[in-house]
N, C-alpha and C. Protein backbone atom coordinates (compact mmCIF):
# COMPACT_ATOMS: atom_id res chain seq x y z
N MET A 1 -61.08 -80.19 -33.17
CA MET A 1 -60.34 -79.94 -34.69
C MET A 1 -59.45 -78.53 -33.95
N THR A 2 -58.24 -78.26 -34.82
CA THR A 2 -56.61 -77.75 -34.25
C THR A 2 -57.29 -76.49 -35.54
N SER A 3 -57.40 -75.07 -35.43
CA SER A 3 -57.09 -74.18 -36.54
C SER A 3 -55.96 -73.35 -36.33
N THR A 4 -55.33 -72.86 -37.77
CA THR A 4 -54.33 -72.25 -37.67
C THR A 4 -54.33 -70.88 -38.13
N ALA A 5 -54.11 -70.05 -37.46
CA ALA A 5 -53.96 -68.62 -37.57
C ALA A 5 -53.52 -68.14 -38.34
N ARG A 6 -54.59 -67.36 -39.53
CA ARG A 6 -54.05 -66.70 -40.20
C ARG A 6 -52.67 -65.58 -39.83
N VAL A 7 -51.29 -65.57 -40.30
CA VAL A 7 -50.56 -64.57 -40.04
C VAL A 7 -51.24 -63.45 -40.79
N ARG A 8 -51.16 -62.26 -40.18
CA ARG A 8 -51.77 -61.00 -40.95
C ARG A 8 -50.31 -59.96 -41.09
N LEU A 9 -50.15 -59.96 -42.56
CA LEU A 9 -49.23 -59.04 -42.80
C LEU A 9 -49.50 -57.42 -43.10
N SER A 10 -48.42 -56.67 -42.58
CA SER A 10 -48.56 -55.32 -43.21
C SER A 10 -48.47 -55.19 -44.55
N PRO A 11 -49.15 -53.86 -45.10
CA PRO A 11 -48.98 -53.68 -46.71
C PRO A 11 -47.43 -54.03 -47.08
N ALA A 12 -46.39 -53.43 -46.49
CA ALA A 12 -45.05 -53.00 -46.87
C ALA A 12 -44.76 -54.90 -47.04
N GLU A 13 -45.12 -55.82 -46.10
CA GLU A 13 -44.73 -57.19 -46.07
C GLU A 13 -45.76 -57.68 -47.16
N ARG A 14 -46.45 -57.37 -47.30
CA ARG A 14 -47.10 -58.27 -48.18
C ARG A 14 -46.90 -58.02 -49.81
N ARG A 15 -46.01 -56.36 -49.24
CA ARG A 15 -45.69 -56.24 -50.83
C ARG A 15 -44.28 -56.87 -51.15
N THR A 16 -43.66 -56.82 -50.32
CA THR A 16 -42.21 -57.69 -50.38
C THR A 16 -42.35 -59.03 -50.74
N GLN A 17 -43.85 -60.16 -50.76
CA GLN A 17 -43.67 -61.11 -50.28
C GLN A 17 -44.38 -61.48 -52.07
N LEU A 18 -44.37 -60.63 -52.47
CA LEU A 18 -45.24 -60.61 -53.84
C LEU A 18 -44.17 -60.16 -54.73
N LEU A 19 -42.95 -59.38 -54.30
CA LEU A 19 -41.56 -59.15 -55.14
C LEU A 19 -41.22 -60.37 -54.82
N ASP A 20 -41.07 -60.83 -54.07
CA ASP A 20 -40.02 -62.12 -53.69
C ASP A 20 -40.70 -63.18 -54.79
N LEU A 21 -41.87 -63.45 -54.87
CA LEU A 21 -42.56 -63.82 -55.58
C LEU A 21 -42.50 -63.64 -57.42
N GLY A 22 -42.30 -62.73 -57.26
CA GLY A 22 -42.07 -62.33 -58.60
C GLY A 22 -40.40 -62.62 -59.25
N VAL A 23 -40.04 -62.11 -58.67
CA VAL A 23 -38.18 -62.58 -58.50
C VAL A 23 -37.92 -64.01 -59.12
N ARG A 24 -39.05 -64.78 -58.01
CA ARG A 24 -38.55 -66.54 -58.64
C ARG A 24 -39.08 -66.66 -59.44
N LEU A 25 -40.33 -66.03 -59.84
CA LEU A 25 -41.49 -66.39 -61.31
C LEU A 25 -40.21 -65.55 -62.90
N LEU A 26 -39.22 -65.04 -61.91
CA LEU A 26 -38.87 -64.36 -63.08
C LEU A 26 -37.16 -65.04 -63.62
N ALA A 27 -36.77 -66.11 -62.45
CA ALA A 27 -35.81 -66.94 -63.10
C ALA A 27 -36.41 -68.19 -64.00
N THR A 28 -37.49 -68.53 -64.15
CA THR A 28 -37.91 -69.67 -65.73
C THR A 28 -39.56 -68.89 -66.51
N ARG A 29 -38.91 -67.44 -66.43
CA ARG A 29 -39.32 -66.90 -67.35
C ARG A 29 -38.82 -64.51 -68.19
N SER A 30 -39.33 -65.11 -68.66
CA SER A 30 -39.03 -63.19 -69.30
C SER A 30 -39.67 -62.00 -68.67
N LEU A 31 -39.01 -61.31 -68.46
CA LEU A 31 -40.10 -59.86 -67.68
C LEU A 31 -41.01 -60.11 -68.27
N ASP A 32 -41.17 -59.93 -69.67
CA ASP A 32 -42.17 -60.10 -70.66
C ASP A 32 -43.51 -60.77 -70.39
N GLU A 33 -42.97 -62.05 -69.79
CA GLU A 33 -43.82 -63.41 -69.46
C GLU A 33 -44.01 -62.63 -68.30
N LEU A 34 -43.56 -62.24 -67.14
CA LEU A 34 -44.31 -62.26 -65.94
C LEU A 34 -45.25 -60.72 -66.15
N SER A 35 -46.96 -61.23 -65.93
CA SER A 35 -47.64 -60.42 -66.09
C SER A 35 -48.72 -60.09 -65.34
N ILE A 36 -48.93 -59.19 -64.44
CA ILE A 36 -50.23 -59.64 -63.44
C ILE A 36 -50.86 -60.16 -63.29
N ASP A 37 -51.35 -60.99 -64.57
CA ASP A 37 -52.58 -61.90 -64.22
C ASP A 37 -51.21 -63.23 -63.60
N VAL A 38 -50.01 -63.46 -64.33
CA VAL A 38 -49.84 -64.11 -63.68
C VAL A 38 -49.07 -64.72 -62.70
N LEU A 39 -48.79 -63.29 -61.79
CA LEU A 39 -48.26 -62.77 -60.19
C LEU A 39 -50.05 -63.58 -59.91
N ALA A 40 -50.45 -62.98 -59.67
CA ALA A 40 -52.26 -63.15 -59.18
C ALA A 40 -52.73 -63.94 -59.28
N GLU A 41 -52.22 -65.49 -60.29
CA GLU A 41 -52.86 -66.48 -60.20
C GLU A 41 -51.76 -67.38 -59.17
N GLU A 42 -50.59 -67.13 -58.82
CA GLU A 42 -49.73 -68.12 -58.31
C GLU A 42 -49.39 -66.91 -56.60
N ALA A 43 -50.03 -66.12 -56.55
CA ALA A 43 -50.11 -65.86 -54.92
C ALA A 43 -51.40 -65.85 -54.98
N GLY A 44 -52.61 -66.72 -55.52
CA GLY A 44 -53.61 -66.58 -54.98
C GLY A 44 -54.44 -65.63 -54.47
N ILE A 45 -53.94 -64.41 -55.30
CA ILE A 45 -55.29 -63.20 -55.04
C ILE A 45 -55.06 -62.58 -56.15
N SER A 46 -56.58 -61.68 -56.06
CA SER A 46 -57.08 -61.03 -57.36
C SER A 46 -56.05 -59.90 -57.88
N ARG A 47 -56.61 -59.77 -59.04
CA ARG A 47 -55.58 -58.96 -60.03
C ARG A 47 -56.05 -57.33 -59.87
N GLY A 48 -56.83 -56.72 -59.10
CA GLY A 48 -57.20 -55.79 -58.25
C GLY A 48 -56.73 -55.35 -57.53
N LEU A 49 -56.36 -56.48 -56.54
CA LEU A 49 -55.49 -56.04 -55.03
C LEU A 49 -53.78 -55.73 -55.48
N LEU A 50 -53.17 -56.87 -56.97
CA LEU A 50 -52.06 -56.73 -57.34
C LEU A 50 -51.95 -54.79 -58.34
N TYR A 51 -52.90 -54.78 -58.06
CA TYR A 51 -53.06 -53.01 -58.66
C TYR A 51 -53.16 -52.14 -58.14
N HIS A 52 -53.23 -52.42 -56.42
CA HIS A 52 -53.08 -51.30 -55.47
C HIS A 52 -52.22 -51.28 -55.21
N TYR A 53 -51.31 -52.42 -55.23
CA TYR A 53 -49.70 -52.64 -54.73
C TYR A 53 -48.75 -51.93 -55.65
N PHE A 54 -49.07 -52.22 -56.82
CA PHE A 54 -48.29 -51.85 -57.82
C PHE A 54 -49.59 -51.54 -59.17
N GLY A 55 -49.37 -49.72 -59.01
CA GLY A 55 -49.98 -49.12 -60.22
C GLY A 55 -50.37 -49.77 -61.75
N ASN A 56 -49.52 -50.33 -61.81
CA ASN A 56 -49.54 -51.05 -63.34
C ASN A 56 -48.70 -51.86 -64.04
N LYS A 57 -48.92 -52.36 -65.60
CA LYS A 57 -47.80 -52.99 -65.48
C LYS A 57 -46.35 -52.98 -65.47
N GLN A 58 -46.17 -51.91 -65.86
CA GLN A 58 -44.63 -50.96 -66.17
C GLN A 58 -43.89 -50.96 -64.71
N ASP A 59 -45.11 -50.62 -63.87
CA ASP A 59 -44.55 -50.04 -62.00
C ASP A 59 -44.45 -51.85 -62.04
N PHE A 60 -44.70 -52.68 -62.21
CA PHE A 60 -44.72 -54.04 -61.25
C PHE A 60 -43.74 -54.35 -61.69
N HIS A 61 -43.24 -54.44 -63.07
CA HIS A 61 -41.82 -54.71 -63.76
C HIS A 61 -40.93 -54.19 -63.70
N GLU A 62 -40.95 -52.76 -62.94
CA GLU A 62 -39.62 -52.36 -62.69
C GLU A 62 -39.71 -52.40 -61.03
N ALA A 63 -40.55 -52.43 -60.55
CA ALA A 63 -40.14 -53.21 -59.18
C ALA A 63 -39.36 -54.65 -59.00
N VAL A 64 -39.82 -55.74 -59.81
CA VAL A 64 -39.77 -56.89 -59.32
C VAL A 64 -38.25 -56.45 -59.90
N VAL A 65 -37.62 -56.49 -61.13
CA VAL A 65 -36.37 -55.90 -61.23
C VAL A 65 -35.58 -55.01 -60.25
N ARG A 66 -35.66 -53.83 -59.35
CA ARG A 66 -35.10 -53.16 -58.58
C ARG A 66 -35.08 -54.43 -57.80
N HIS A 67 -35.88 -55.31 -56.99
CA HIS A 67 -36.31 -56.85 -56.15
C HIS A 67 -35.47 -57.50 -56.44
N ALA A 68 -34.83 -57.93 -58.16
CA ALA A 68 -33.93 -58.74 -58.54
C ALA A 68 -32.84 -58.33 -58.96
N ALA A 69 -32.77 -57.03 -58.31
CA ALA A 69 -31.18 -56.36 -58.50
C ALA A 69 -30.49 -56.61 -57.57
N ASP A 70 -31.49 -56.08 -56.40
CA ASP A 70 -30.86 -56.56 -54.82
C ASP A 70 -31.04 -57.80 -54.05
N ASP A 71 -31.36 -58.35 -54.70
CA ASP A 71 -31.43 -59.53 -54.48
C ASP A 71 -29.66 -60.67 -55.23
N LEU A 72 -29.23 -60.23 -56.65
CA LEU A 72 -28.28 -60.18 -56.86
C LEU A 72 -26.81 -59.41 -56.37
N ILE A 73 -27.08 -58.54 -56.37
CA ILE A 73 -25.97 -57.93 -55.18
C ILE A 73 -25.83 -57.91 -54.01
N ARG A 74 -27.05 -58.63 -53.09
CA ARG A 74 -26.87 -59.27 -51.98
C ARG A 74 -26.22 -61.13 -51.86
N THR A 75 -26.56 -61.25 -53.20
CA THR A 75 -26.36 -63.05 -52.82
C THR A 75 -24.85 -63.03 -53.79
N THR A 76 -24.47 -62.29 -53.99
CA THR A 76 -23.08 -62.30 -54.53
C THR A 76 -21.59 -60.75 -53.76
N ALA A 77 -22.75 -61.15 -52.61
CA ALA A 77 -21.27 -59.99 -51.54
C ALA A 77 -20.50 -60.84 -51.17
N PRO A 78 -19.29 -60.45 -50.96
CA PRO A 78 -17.70 -61.31 -50.65
C PRO A 78 -17.85 -61.81 -49.28
N PRO A 79 -17.60 -62.96 -49.07
CA PRO A 79 -17.75 -63.26 -47.46
C PRO A 79 -16.70 -62.08 -46.66
N PRO A 80 -16.84 -62.38 -45.67
CA PRO A 80 -16.18 -61.36 -44.10
C PRO A 80 -14.61 -62.01 -44.60
N HIS A 81 -13.77 -61.50 -45.17
CA HIS A 81 -12.01 -62.65 -45.34
C HIS A 81 -11.25 -61.42 -45.78
N ARG A 82 -10.08 -61.44 -44.68
CA ARG A 82 -8.69 -60.15 -44.56
C ARG A 82 -8.30 -60.77 -46.52
N ASP A 83 -8.13 -61.68 -46.46
CA ASP A 83 -7.38 -62.01 -48.45
C ASP A 83 -8.36 -61.63 -49.21
N PRO A 84 -8.55 -60.49 -50.38
CA PRO A 84 -9.18 -59.69 -51.01
C PRO A 84 -9.46 -60.49 -52.57
N LEU A 85 -8.16 -61.76 -52.53
CA LEU A 85 -7.86 -61.97 -53.48
C LEU A 85 -9.59 -63.73 -53.28
N VAL A 86 -9.78 -64.02 -52.01
CA VAL A 86 -10.57 -65.04 -51.36
C VAL A 86 -12.29 -64.11 -52.24
N ARG A 87 -11.83 -62.86 -51.02
CA ARG A 87 -13.66 -62.39 -51.52
C ARG A 87 -13.39 -62.29 -52.62
N LEU A 88 -13.10 -61.63 -53.56
CA LEU A 88 -13.45 -61.46 -55.43
C LEU A 88 -13.38 -63.00 -55.64
N GLY A 89 -12.85 -64.18 -55.65
CA GLY A 89 -13.07 -65.35 -56.01
C GLY A 89 -14.34 -65.79 -55.66
N THR A 90 -14.67 -65.65 -54.75
CA THR A 90 -16.03 -66.43 -53.95
C THR A 90 -16.87 -65.27 -54.77
N SER A 91 -17.11 -63.82 -54.76
CA SER A 91 -18.32 -63.13 -55.31
C SER A 91 -18.47 -63.33 -57.04
N LEU A 92 -16.95 -63.50 -57.79
CA LEU A 92 -17.40 -64.14 -59.16
C LEU A 92 -17.94 -64.99 -58.99
N ALA A 93 -17.90 -66.60 -58.22
CA ALA A 93 -17.98 -67.50 -58.34
C ALA A 93 -19.62 -67.47 -58.36
N GLY A 94 -20.51 -66.72 -57.31
CA GLY A 94 -21.70 -65.73 -57.06
C GLY A 94 -22.33 -65.67 -57.87
N TYR A 95 -21.62 -64.98 -59.09
CA TYR A 95 -22.43 -64.31 -60.22
C TYR A 95 -22.82 -65.30 -60.54
N VAL A 96 -21.68 -65.98 -61.34
CA VAL A 96 -21.70 -67.42 -61.75
C VAL A 96 -23.02 -67.79 -61.73
N ASP A 97 -22.69 -68.14 -60.52
CA ASP A 97 -24.49 -69.16 -59.97
C ASP A 97 -25.67 -68.63 -60.13
N TYR A 98 -25.22 -67.37 -59.62
CA TYR A 98 -26.87 -66.52 -60.14
C TYR A 98 -27.47 -66.68 -61.37
N VAL A 99 -26.67 -66.74 -62.25
CA VAL A 99 -26.59 -65.73 -63.40
C VAL A 99 -27.64 -67.35 -63.86
N LEU A 100 -26.58 -68.43 -63.50
CA LEU A 100 -27.42 -69.80 -63.76
C LEU A 100 -28.60 -70.08 -62.82
N ALA A 101 -28.83 -70.04 -61.86
CA ALA A 101 -30.27 -70.26 -60.97
C ALA A 101 -30.86 -69.08 -61.78
N ASN A 102 -31.21 -68.30 -62.49
CA ASN A 102 -32.06 -67.37 -62.41
C ASN A 102 -31.99 -66.67 -63.81
N PHE A 103 -31.18 -67.89 -64.73
CA PHE A 103 -31.03 -67.59 -66.20
C PHE A 103 -31.85 -65.98 -67.02
N ALA A 104 -33.44 -66.56 -66.88
CA ALA A 104 -34.21 -65.73 -67.70
C ALA A 104 -34.45 -64.05 -67.13
N GLY A 105 -34.28 -64.56 -65.96
CA GLY A 105 -34.56 -63.26 -65.46
C GLY A 105 -33.29 -62.21 -65.47
N TYR A 106 -32.61 -62.75 -65.65
CA TYR A 106 -31.23 -61.85 -65.46
C TYR A 106 -30.90 -61.28 -67.06
N VAL A 107 -31.01 -62.46 -67.83
CA VAL A 107 -31.26 -61.58 -68.92
C VAL A 107 -32.21 -60.43 -69.33
N SER A 108 -33.37 -60.70 -68.56
CA SER A 108 -34.47 -60.26 -68.73
C SER A 108 -34.33 -58.73 -68.41
N LEU A 109 -33.15 -58.50 -66.76
CA LEU A 109 -32.51 -57.25 -66.36
C LEU A 109 -31.34 -56.56 -67.57
N VAL A 110 -30.63 -57.72 -68.47
CA VAL A 110 -29.68 -57.32 -69.03
C VAL A 110 -30.39 -56.49 -70.67
N ARG A 111 -31.49 -57.51 -70.88
CA ARG A 111 -32.09 -56.71 -72.05
C ARG A 111 -32.90 -55.11 -72.27
N GLY A 112 -33.54 -55.55 -70.85
CA GLY A 112 -34.61 -54.28 -70.67
C GLY A 112 -33.89 -53.31 -70.34
N ALA A 113 -32.15 -53.27 -69.84
CA ALA A 113 -31.49 -52.02 -69.95
C ALA A 113 -31.39 -51.57 -71.19
N ALA A 114 -30.79 -52.78 -71.98
CA ALA A 114 -30.81 -52.35 -74.19
C ALA A 114 -32.55 -51.53 -74.61
N SER A 115 -32.88 -51.84 -73.97
CA SER A 115 -34.18 -51.67 -74.58
C SER A 115 -35.28 -50.22 -74.43
N GLY A 116 -34.03 -49.06 -73.86
CA GLY A 116 -34.61 -47.91 -73.54
C GLY A 116 -35.36 -47.62 -72.81
N ASN A 117 -35.84 -48.50 -72.28
CA ASN A 117 -36.63 -48.52 -70.32
C ASN A 117 -35.44 -47.96 -69.43
N GLU A 118 -35.15 -46.15 -69.22
CA GLU A 118 -34.60 -46.14 -68.43
C GLU A 118 -34.33 -46.15 -66.92
N THR A 119 -35.27 -46.49 -66.29
CA THR A 119 -35.61 -47.21 -65.03
C THR A 119 -34.99 -48.12 -65.38
N VAL A 120 -35.32 -49.24 -65.66
CA VAL A 120 -34.08 -50.72 -65.98
C VAL A 120 -32.70 -50.28 -66.23
N ARG A 121 -32.48 -49.00 -67.11
CA ARG A 121 -31.09 -48.80 -67.24
C ARG A 121 -30.46 -48.47 -65.84
N ALA A 122 -30.91 -47.55 -65.54
CA ALA A 122 -30.33 -47.39 -64.21
C ALA A 122 -30.29 -47.71 -62.99
N ILE A 123 -31.44 -49.21 -62.63
CA ILE A 123 -31.25 -50.18 -62.04
C ILE A 123 -29.42 -50.84 -62.06
N TYR A 124 -29.56 -51.69 -63.93
CA TYR A 124 -28.60 -52.50 -64.38
C TYR A 124 -27.24 -51.70 -63.86
N ASP A 125 -27.65 -50.29 -64.43
CA ASP A 125 -25.73 -49.75 -63.94
C ASP A 125 -25.31 -48.90 -62.19
N GLU A 126 -26.90 -49.74 -61.73
CA GLU A 126 -26.67 -49.73 -60.74
C GLU A 126 -26.12 -50.96 -60.45
N VAL A 127 -26.32 -51.97 -60.29
CA VAL A 127 -25.39 -53.04 -60.49
C VAL A 127 -24.41 -53.26 -60.76
N ARG A 128 -24.37 -52.46 -61.68
CA ARG A 128 -22.55 -52.49 -62.62
C ARG A 128 -21.56 -52.17 -62.15
N ALA A 129 -22.19 -50.84 -60.90
CA ALA A 129 -21.28 -50.10 -60.56
C ALA A 129 -21.05 -50.31 -59.07
N ALA A 130 -22.03 -51.70 -58.39
CA ALA A 130 -22.25 -51.90 -56.68
C ALA A 130 -21.15 -53.04 -57.40
N LEU A 131 -21.47 -54.25 -58.62
CA LEU A 131 -20.01 -54.94 -58.80
C LEU A 131 -18.97 -54.48 -58.96
N THR A 132 -18.26 -53.57 -59.37
CA THR A 132 -17.21 -52.85 -59.83
C THR A 132 -16.23 -52.47 -58.30
N ASP A 133 -17.25 -51.82 -57.64
CA ASP A 133 -16.91 -51.60 -56.87
C ASP A 133 -15.94 -52.03 -55.29
N ARG A 134 -16.70 -53.72 -55.69
CA ARG A 134 -15.80 -54.54 -54.50
C ARG A 134 -14.66 -54.95 -54.91
N PHE A 135 -14.25 -54.79 -56.35
CA PHE A 135 -12.45 -54.56 -57.17
C PHE A 135 -11.64 -53.82 -55.99
N PHE A 136 -12.42 -52.84 -55.17
CA PHE A 136 -11.20 -51.67 -54.68
C PHE A 136 -11.62 -51.93 -53.27
N ALA A 137 -12.98 -51.91 -52.47
CA ALA A 137 -13.32 -51.97 -51.54
C ALA A 137 -12.23 -53.15 -50.61
N ALA A 138 -12.05 -52.94 -49.16
CA ALA A 138 -11.23 -53.52 -48.77
C ALA A 138 -12.51 -53.93 -46.92
N GLU A 139 -12.11 -54.93 -46.59
CA GLU A 139 -12.64 -55.67 -45.63
C GLU A 139 -11.52 -54.55 -44.49
N ALA A 140 -12.36 -54.13 -43.29
CA ALA A 140 -11.11 -53.11 -42.10
C ALA A 140 -10.03 -54.54 -41.59
N GLY A 141 -9.11 -53.36 -42.07
CA GLY A 141 -7.45 -53.81 -41.80
C GLY A 141 -7.27 -55.18 -42.23
N ALA A 142 -7.49 -55.39 -43.87
CA ALA A 142 -7.29 -55.58 -44.99
C ALA A 142 -6.71 -54.39 -46.12
N PRO A 143 -5.97 -55.24 -46.90
CA PRO A 143 -5.48 -54.57 -47.99
C PRO A 143 -6.50 -54.47 -49.11
N GLU A 144 -6.30 -53.34 -49.83
CA GLU A 144 -7.02 -53.28 -50.93
C GLU A 144 -6.85 -54.13 -52.14
N LEU A 145 -7.49 -54.26 -52.55
CA LEU A 145 -7.04 -55.30 -54.10
C LEU A 145 -6.33 -54.97 -54.90
N LEU A 146 -7.19 -53.90 -55.34
CA LEU A 146 -6.83 -53.07 -56.58
C LEU A 146 -6.68 -51.17 -56.44
N PRO A 147 -5.78 -50.52 -56.61
CA PRO A 147 -6.14 -49.09 -56.54
C PRO A 147 -7.33 -48.75 -57.61
N ASP A 148 -7.28 -47.42 -57.08
CA ASP A 148 -8.88 -47.12 -57.52
C ASP A 148 -8.63 -46.07 -58.22
N THR A 149 -8.29 -46.45 -59.91
CA THR A 149 -8.25 -45.25 -60.42
C THR A 149 -9.13 -45.60 -62.15
N PRO A 150 -9.18 -43.80 -62.13
CA PRO A 150 -10.26 -43.70 -63.20
C PRO A 150 -9.66 -44.60 -64.65
N THR A 151 -7.96 -45.26 -64.87
CA THR A 151 -7.86 -45.89 -66.00
C THR A 151 -8.64 -47.40 -65.83
N LEU A 152 -8.65 -47.88 -64.60
CA LEU A 152 -8.72 -49.51 -64.06
C LEU A 152 -10.09 -49.33 -64.04
N ARG A 153 -11.19 -48.19 -63.83
CA ARG A 153 -12.49 -48.68 -63.64
C ARG A 153 -12.71 -48.88 -64.83
N LEU A 154 -12.41 -47.93 -65.87
CA LEU A 154 -13.11 -48.16 -67.55
C LEU A 154 -12.33 -49.36 -67.90
N LEU A 155 -11.38 -50.29 -67.48
CA LEU A 155 -10.80 -51.36 -67.78
C LEU A 155 -11.75 -51.98 -67.80
N LEU A 156 -11.98 -52.42 -66.47
CA LEU A 156 -12.68 -53.06 -65.15
C LEU A 156 -14.40 -53.16 -65.85
N ARG A 157 -14.49 -52.47 -66.16
CA ARG A 157 -16.40 -51.63 -66.89
C ARG A 157 -16.04 -52.62 -68.67
N GLY A 158 -15.44 -52.64 -69.24
CA GLY A 158 -14.92 -53.37 -71.00
C GLY A 158 -14.92 -54.46 -70.18
N TRP A 159 -14.13 -55.18 -68.41
CA TRP A 159 -13.92 -56.70 -68.56
C TRP A 159 -15.66 -56.94 -67.94
N GLN A 160 -16.31 -56.36 -67.87
CA GLN A 160 -17.80 -56.90 -66.95
C GLN A 160 -18.53 -57.53 -67.82
N ALA A 161 -18.63 -56.01 -69.15
CA ALA A 161 -19.04 -56.37 -70.11
C ALA A 161 -18.93 -57.44 -71.09
N MET A 162 -17.85 -57.69 -70.84
CA MET A 162 -17.05 -59.04 -71.65
C MET A 162 -17.41 -60.60 -71.12
N ALA A 163 -17.44 -60.62 -69.42
CA ALA A 163 -17.73 -61.46 -68.18
C ALA A 163 -18.94 -61.39 -68.74
N GLU A 164 -20.26 -60.27 -68.56
CA GLU A 164 -21.06 -61.69 -68.84
C GLU A 164 -21.56 -61.79 -69.41
N GLU A 165 -20.77 -61.13 -70.73
CA GLU A 165 -21.61 -61.76 -72.09
C GLU A 165 -20.85 -63.58 -72.11
N MET A 166 -19.60 -63.52 -71.96
CA MET A 166 -19.01 -65.33 -71.56
C MET A 166 -20.10 -65.88 -70.84
N VAL A 167 -21.09 -65.40 -69.66
CA VAL A 167 -21.19 -66.15 -68.69
C VAL A 167 -23.09 -66.56 -69.38
N ILE A 168 -23.45 -65.54 -70.10
CA ILE A 168 -24.81 -65.61 -70.52
C ILE A 168 -24.88 -67.32 -72.08
N ALA A 169 -23.26 -66.52 -72.56
CA ALA A 169 -23.19 -67.13 -73.81
C ALA A 169 -23.09 -68.71 -73.59
N TRP A 170 -22.56 -69.29 -71.60
CA TRP A 170 -22.23 -70.51 -71.56
C TRP A 170 -23.69 -71.36 -70.66
N VAL A 171 -24.01 -70.11 -70.19
CA VAL A 171 -25.59 -71.19 -70.41
C VAL A 171 -26.31 -71.98 -71.05
N GLU A 172 -26.36 -70.68 -72.47
CA GLU A 172 -26.96 -71.11 -73.22
C GLU A 172 -25.95 -72.10 -73.61
N HIS A 173 -24.94 -72.27 -73.99
CA HIS A 173 -24.49 -73.45 -75.18
C HIS A 173 -23.32 -73.99 -74.33
N PRO A 174 -22.67 -74.79 -73.36
CA PRO A 174 -21.83 -74.83 -72.32
C PRO A 174 -21.42 -75.55 -73.57
N GLY A 175 -20.70 -76.20 -73.99
CA GLY A 175 -20.07 -77.55 -74.61
C GLY A 175 -19.56 -78.23 -73.94
N ASP A 176 -18.33 -78.30 -74.41
CA ASP A 176 -17.73 -79.15 -73.00
C ASP A 176 -17.12 -78.53 -71.93
N LEU A 177 -17.62 -77.04 -71.90
CA LEU A 177 -16.86 -76.24 -70.52
C LEU A 177 -17.68 -76.65 -69.55
N THR A 178 -16.62 -76.76 -68.11
CA THR A 178 -17.81 -76.78 -67.13
C THR A 178 -17.14 -75.45 -66.35
N ARG A 179 -18.28 -75.33 -64.87
CA ARG A 179 -18.91 -74.42 -64.20
C ARG A 179 -16.83 -73.82 -63.96
N GLU A 180 -16.47 -75.14 -63.25
CA GLU A 180 -14.90 -74.46 -62.91
C GLU A 180 -13.86 -73.63 -64.46
N ASP A 181 -13.73 -74.63 -65.39
CA ASP A 181 -13.64 -74.59 -66.64
C ASP A 181 -13.75 -72.32 -66.60
N LEU A 182 -15.31 -72.39 -66.95
CA LEU A 182 -15.68 -71.02 -66.72
C LEU A 182 -14.63 -69.91 -66.45
N LEU A 183 -15.30 -70.63 -64.21
CA LEU A 183 -14.51 -69.48 -63.99
C LEU A 183 -12.61 -69.49 -63.97
N GLU A 184 -12.42 -70.25 -64.65
CA GLU A 184 -11.11 -70.34 -64.63
C GLU A 184 -11.19 -68.71 -65.83
N LEU A 185 -11.60 -69.22 -66.71
CA LEU A 185 -11.54 -68.27 -67.28
C LEU A 185 -11.54 -66.72 -67.09
N ILE A 186 -12.94 -66.96 -66.71
CA ILE A 186 -13.14 -65.35 -66.35
C ILE A 186 -12.62 -64.62 -65.08
N GLY A 187 -11.09 -65.70 -64.70
CA GLY A 187 -10.32 -64.88 -63.51
C GLY A 187 -8.66 -64.59 -64.50
N SER A 188 -8.75 -65.48 -65.16
CA SER A 188 -7.41 -64.83 -65.73
C SER A 188 -7.49 -63.91 -67.12
N THR A 189 -8.89 -63.51 -67.50
CA THR A 189 -9.40 -62.48 -68.65
C THR A 189 -8.98 -61.40 -67.31
N LEU A 190 -9.85 -61.03 -66.71
CA LEU A 190 -9.46 -60.87 -65.53
C LEU A 190 -8.24 -60.23 -65.03
N VAL A 191 -7.41 -60.73 -64.91
CA VAL A 191 -5.79 -60.63 -64.66
C VAL A 191 -4.98 -59.83 -65.88
N GLY A 192 -5.52 -60.33 -67.20
CA GLY A 192 -4.99 -59.63 -68.20
C GLY A 192 -5.33 -58.31 -68.62
N VAL A 193 -6.37 -57.88 -68.07
CA VAL A 193 -6.86 -56.53 -68.11
C VAL A 193 -6.09 -55.41 -66.83
N VAL A 194 -6.42 -56.34 -65.63
CA VAL A 194 -5.16 -55.11 -64.69
C VAL A 194 -3.85 -55.13 -65.67
N GLU A 195 -3.45 -56.23 -65.83
CA GLU A 195 -1.61 -55.73 -66.43
C GLU A 195 -1.60 -54.93 -67.76
N LYS A 196 -3.11 -54.68 -68.11
CA LYS A 196 -2.96 -53.40 -68.99
C LYS A 196 -2.80 -52.05 -68.55
N ALA A 197 -3.53 -52.42 -67.53
CA ALA A 197 -3.34 -51.19 -66.32
C ALA A 197 -1.38 -51.02 -66.00
N GLY A 198 -0.76 -51.60 -66.10
CA GLY A 198 0.87 -51.69 -65.56
C GLY A 198 0.35 -51.97 -64.00
N LEU A 199 -0.50 -53.06 -63.78
CA LEU A 199 -0.90 -53.63 -62.82
C LEU A 199 -0.24 -55.21 -62.28
N GLU A 200 -0.60 -55.83 -61.30
CA GLU A 200 0.08 -57.17 -61.78
C GLU A 200 -1.83 -57.55 -60.10
N LEU A 201 -2.02 -58.65 -60.80
CA LEU A 201 -3.27 -59.28 -59.86
C LEU A 201 -2.51 -60.33 -59.67
N PRO A 202 -2.39 -61.45 -58.82
CA PRO A 202 -2.44 -62.83 -58.44
C PRO A 202 -3.80 -63.62 -59.34
N ILE A 203 -3.45 -64.89 -59.33
CA ILE A 203 -4.60 -65.23 -59.96
C ILE A 203 -5.93 -65.60 -59.39
N VAL A 204 -7.03 -65.53 -59.73
CA VAL A 204 -7.90 -65.19 -59.01
C VAL A 204 -8.60 -67.00 -59.35
N THR A 205 -8.72 -67.60 -58.14
CA THR A 205 -9.65 -68.78 -57.77
C THR A 205 -10.94 -68.79 -57.53
N PRO A 206 -11.89 -68.37 -58.33
CA PRO A 206 -12.81 -68.31 -57.82
C PRO A 206 -13.24 -69.72 -57.34
N SER A 207 -14.19 -70.20 -55.95
CA SER A 207 -15.14 -71.11 -55.32
C SER A 207 -16.05 -71.72 -56.07
């Protein structure tokens, strides 16, 4: 009879494993529905052990939101490429796909930021800032996509809010719009916003 040795995880590794599970569960339910009891049941551990890793429900929620935000930034990161338009298009497509695959969790992040929870709001603002920075960052040896100016940053913040609402509304009620139709709309509105700053941006074609 062959037995399989159980791998003993460090406390940090076990906490990360629980956060990964929390993010996966958040993909199909709201943050309010993600309780200590639900995670304990799914993980097959006691509530007491969960409280050992996360002091209370609020700490647990904030840790899961942070982990989800890091996951969003990581999974939408543009690939190494000299053409900044290719990087931007890929990043936009990754954002749409992330929201589509993790809709309940993403909406929880958005609503949590608007609810007055300062920690969730700070995490949300960090995500927004990280996504905005991608419009100006350039790969080594490649030209930047747009000049980093206060006016353009302000316009892009407003565009991000519009694009976010477009994606959320599309997931809820897509109508006859395909994913490709949505991405084309997002790209064309971005071009229009950049033109308002007196700049030119070729049509962004997300993959």
